[in-house]
Amino acid sequence: MPSIVRLPDRIPHAPRRPVDGDRLVAGTPCQAIDNGYASADQAFQCGIWEGDVGAWRVRYTEHELCHMLAGRIRLTGDDGAVAELAAGDSFVIPAGFQGVWEVLEPARKLYAVYEP
């Protein structure tokens, strides 16, 4: 029988890595990811993400559910739609979304990703 997997609300020691230069839009943001769970086929994953102030291009092939634990971000779609989200907000980024992910204040989120 599978066991329950607890996810932390912080990333204690995960290394922070810079955003890839070819995706960078502004600043020198670094991010850390603690993937606390992955299904056997890797199609479903969840954990904690932390990011520094800055902006970079994103292109989603996966569906992602996010719950902001700290900070503030702005998502700007290539279609011009803008969403500002802060600690306490929950949202979904559907597969196919393309645009800019901008961290306005150091941010931390709980995420669950499904790659169809």
C-alpha atoms as a PDB file:
ATOM      1  CA  MET A   1       0.000   0.000   0.000  1.00  0.00           C
ATOM      2  CA  PRO A   2       1.448   3.425  -0.897  1.00  0.00           C
ATOM      3  CA  SER A   3       2.301   5.745   1.969  1.00  0.00           C
ATOM      4  CA  ILE A   4       1.362   9.362   2.466  1.00  0.00           C
ATOM      5  CA  VAL A   5       4.147  11.755   1.434  1.00  0.00           C
ATOM      6  CA  ARG A   6       4.533  14.932   3.464  1.00  0.00           C
ATOM      7  CA  LEU A   7       5.832  17.999   1.645  1.00  0.00           C
ATOM      8  CA  PRO A   8       7.805  20.661   3.496  1.00  0.00           C
ATOM      9  CA  ASP A   9       6.724  24.311   3.330  1.00  0.00           C
ATOM     10  CA  ARG A  10      10.334  25.456   2.837  1.00  0.00           C
ATOM     11  CA  ILE A  11      13.447  24.312   1.011  1.00  0.00           C
ATOM     12  CA  PRO A  12      16.126  23.995   3.677  1.00  0.00           C
ATOM     13  CA  HIS A  13      19.228  23.106   1.662  1.00  0.00           C
ATOM     14  CA  ALA A  14      18.411  22.743  -2.049  1.00  0.00           C
ATOM     15  CA  PRO A  15      20.978  24.472  -4.257  1.00  0.00           C
ATOM     16  CA  ARG A  16      19.873  27.728  -5.893  1.00  0.00           C
ATOM     17  CA  ARG A  17      20.568  27.799  -9.614  1.00  0.00           C
ATOM     18  CA  PRO A  18      20.437  30.759 -12.004  1.00  0.00           C
ATOM     19  CA  VAL A  19      17.743  30.901 -14.664  1.00  0.00           C
ATOM     20  CA  ASP A  20      19.089  29.803 -18.077  1.00  0.00           C
ATOM     21  CA  GLY A  21      20.513  32.794 -19.931  1.00  0.00           C
ATOM     22  CA  ASP A  22      18.533  32.092 -23.109  1.00  0.00           C
ATOM     23  CA  ARG A  23      15.280  32.509 -21.115  1.00  0.00           C
ATOM     24  CA  LEU A  24      16.357  35.506 -19.015  1.00  0.00           C
ATOM     25  CA  VAL A  25      14.362  38.734 -19.453  1.00  0.00           C
ATOM     26  CA  ALA A  26      15.476  40.833 -16.451  1.00  0.00           C
ATOM     27  CA  GLY A  27      17.641  40.620 -13.339  1.00  0.00           C
ATOM     28  CA  THR A  28      19.793  37.722 -12.203  1.00  0.00           C
ATOM     29  CA  PRO A  29      17.224  35.444 -10.563  1.00  0.00           C
ATOM     30  CA  CYS A  30      18.118  32.112  -9.022  1.00  0.00           C
ATOM     31  CA  GLN A  31      15.654  29.409  -8.094  1.00  0.00           C
ATOM     32  CA  ALA A  32      15.529  26.235  -6.047  1.00  0.00           C
ATOM     33  CA  ILE A  33      13.253  23.228  -6.423  1.00  0.00           C
ATOM     34  CA  ASP A  34      12.564  20.458  -3.932  1.00  0.00           C
ATOM     35  CA  ASN A  35      10.548  17.867  -5.831  1.00  0.00           C
ATOM     36  CA  GLY A  36       9.013  16.004  -2.913  1.00  0.00           C
ATOM     37  CA  TYR A  37       7.060  13.435  -4.915  1.00  0.00           C
ATOM     38  CA  ALA A  38       6.967  11.953  -8.410  1.00  0.00           C
ATOM     39  CA  SER A  39       4.723   9.204  -9.747  1.00  0.00           C
ATOM     40  CA  ALA A  40       6.446   6.095 -11.095  1.00  0.00           C
ATOM     41  CA  ASP A  41       5.945   7.300 -14.693  1.00  0.00           C
ATOM     42  CA  GLN A  42       7.094  10.865 -13.789  1.00  0.00           C
ATOM     43  CA  ALA A  43       3.856  12.290 -15.278  1.00  0.00           C
ATOM     44  CA  PHE A  44       2.813  13.768 -11.899  1.00  0.00           C
ATOM     45  CA  GLN A  45       5.222  15.655  -9.640  1.00  0.00           C
ATOM     46  CA  CYS A  46       4.879  18.057  -6.753  1.00  0.00           C
ATOM     47  CA  GLY A  47       7.009  19.955  -4.292  1.00  0.00           C
ATOM     48  CA  ILE A  48       8.255  23.390  -3.318  1.00  0.00           C
ATOM     49  CA  TRP A  49       9.806  26.059  -5.546  1.00  0.00           C
ATOM     50  CA  GLU A  50      11.584  29.255  -4.478  1.00  0.00           C
ATOM     51  CA  GLY A  51      12.657  32.105  -6.737  1.00  0.00           C
ATOM     52  CA  ASP A  52      14.472  35.429  -6.543  1.00  0.00           C
ATOM     53  CA  VAL A  53      13.445  38.748  -8.078  1.00  0.00           C
ATOM     54  CA  GLY A  54      13.777  38.793 -11.863  1.00  0.00           C
ATOM     55  CA  ALA A  55      11.935  37.721 -15.013  1.00  0.00           C
ATOM     56  CA  TRP A  56      12.278  34.916 -17.547  1.00  0.00           C
ATOM     57  CA  ARG A  57      10.392  33.350 -20.438  1.00  0.00           C
ATOM     58  CA  VAL A  58       8.303  30.242 -19.806  1.00  0.00           C
ATOM     59  CA  ARG A  59       6.659  27.710 -22.123  1.00  0.00           C
ATOM     60  CA  TYR A  60       4.452  25.152 -20.381  1.00  0.00           C
ATOM     61  CA  THR A  61       4.000  21.654 -21.790  1.00  0.00           C
ATOM     62  CA  GLU A  62       2.585  20.551 -18.428  1.00  0.00           C
ATOM     63  CA  HIS A  63      -0.444  21.614 -16.357  1.00  0.00           C
ATOM     64  CA  GLU A  64       0.612  23.167 -13.051  1.00  0.00           C
ATOM     65  CA  LEU A  65      -1.372  23.893  -9.906  1.00  0.00           C
ATOM     66  CA  CYS A  66       0.372  26.488  -7.717  1.00  0.00           C
ATOM     67  CA  HIS A  67      -0.283  27.790  -4.221  1.00  0.00           C
ATOM     68  CA  MET A  68       1.814  30.823  -3.256  1.00  0.00           C
ATOM     69  CA  LEU A  69       3.343  30.441   0.191  1.00  0.00           C
ATOM     70  CA  ALA A  70       5.341  33.697   0.162  1.00  0.00           C
ATOM     71  CA  GLY A  71       6.171  36.652  -2.066  1.00  0.00           C
ATOM     72  CA  ARG A  72       4.578  38.111  -5.152  1.00  0.00           C
ATOM     73  CA  ILE A  73       4.789  37.271  -8.857  1.00  0.00           C
ATOM     74  CA  ARG A  74       3.410  38.479 -12.183  1.00  0.00           C
ATOM     75  CA  LEU A  75       2.593  36.208 -15.124  1.00  0.00           C
ATOM     76  CA  THR A  76       2.270  37.912 -18.502  1.00  0.00           C
ATOM     77  CA  GLY A  77       1.021  35.734 -21.342  1.00  0.00           C
ATOM     78  CA  ASP A  78       2.135  36.223 -24.911  1.00  0.00           C
ATOM     79  CA  ASP A  79      -1.517  37.155 -25.525  1.00  0.00           C
ATOM     80  CA  GLY A  80      -1.074  40.190 -23.218  1.00  0.00           C
ATOM     81  CA  ALA A  81      -3.071  38.797 -20.272  1.00  0.00           C
ATOM     82  CA  VAL A  82      -1.513  39.694 -16.914  1.00  0.00           C
ATOM     83  CA  ALA A  83      -2.037  38.028 -13.527  1.00  0.00           C
ATOM     84  CA  GLU A  84      -0.436  39.263 -10.301  1.00  0.00           C
ATOM     85  CA  LEU A  85      -0.408  36.660  -7.548  1.00  0.00           C
ATOM     86  CA  ALA A  86       0.755  36.792  -3.941  1.00  0.00           C
ATOM     87  CA  ALA A  87       1.061  34.669  -0.804  1.00  0.00           C
ATOM     88  CA  GLY A  88      -2.216  32.828  -0.200  1.00  0.00           C
ATOM     89  CA  ASP A  89      -3.263  32.774  -3.878  1.00  0.00           C
ATOM     90  CA  SER A  90      -3.864  29.497  -5.728  1.00  0.00           C
ATOM     91  CA  PHE A  91      -3.902  29.228  -9.516  1.00  0.00           C
ATOM     92  CA  VAL A  92      -3.477  26.878 -12.471  1.00  0.00           C
ATOM     93  CA  ILE A  93      -1.155  27.381 -15.431  1.00  0.00           C
ATOM     94  CA  PRO A  94      -2.502  25.227 -18.277  1.00  0.00           C
ATOM     95  CA  ALA A  95      -0.307  23.360 -20.718  1.00  0.00           C
ATOM     96  CA  GLY A  96       0.367  25.599 -23.710  1.00  0.00           C
ATOM     97  CA  PHE A  97       0.819  28.813 -21.699  1.00  0.00           C
ATOM     98  CA  GLN A  98       3.708  30.921 -22.976  1.00  0.00           C
ATOM     99  CA  GLY A  99       4.910  34.213 -21.607  1.00  0.00           C
ATOM    100  CA  VAL A 100       7.008  35.794 -18.876  1.00  0.00           C
ATOM    101  CA  TRP A 101       7.248  34.694 -15.233  1.00  0.00           C
ATOM    102  CA  GLU A 102       8.324  37.671 -13.116  1.00  0.00           C
ATOM    103  CA  VAL A 103       9.156  37.506  -9.413  1.00  0.00           C
ATOM    104  CA  LEU A 104       8.356  40.898  -7.850  1.00  0.00           C
ATOM    105  CA  GLU A 105       9.250  39.874  -4.279  1.00  0.00           C
ATOM    106  CA  PRO A 106      11.211  36.723  -3.318  1.00  0.00           C
ATOM    107  CA  ALA A 107       8.649  33.969  -3.757  1.00  0.00           C
ATOM    108  CA  ARG A 108       7.896  30.429  -2.629  1.00  0.00           C
ATOM    109  CA  LYS A 109       5.137  28.162  -3.929  1.00  0.00           C
ATOM    110  CA  LEU A 110       3.774  24.676  -3.515  1.00  0.00           C
ATOM    111  CA  TYR A 111       3.325  23.116  -6.957  1.00  0.00           C
ATOM    112  CA  ALA A 112       1.733  20.053  -8.508  1.00  0.00           C
ATOM    113  CA  VAL A 113       2.557  19.316 -12.146  1.00  0.00           C
ATOM    114  CA  TYR A 114       0.891  16.909 -14.542  1.00  0.00           C
ATOM    115  CA  GLU A 115       2.605  16.241 -17.895  1.00  0.00           C
ATOM    116  CA  PRO A 116       0.068  14.611 -20.244  1.00  0.00           C
END
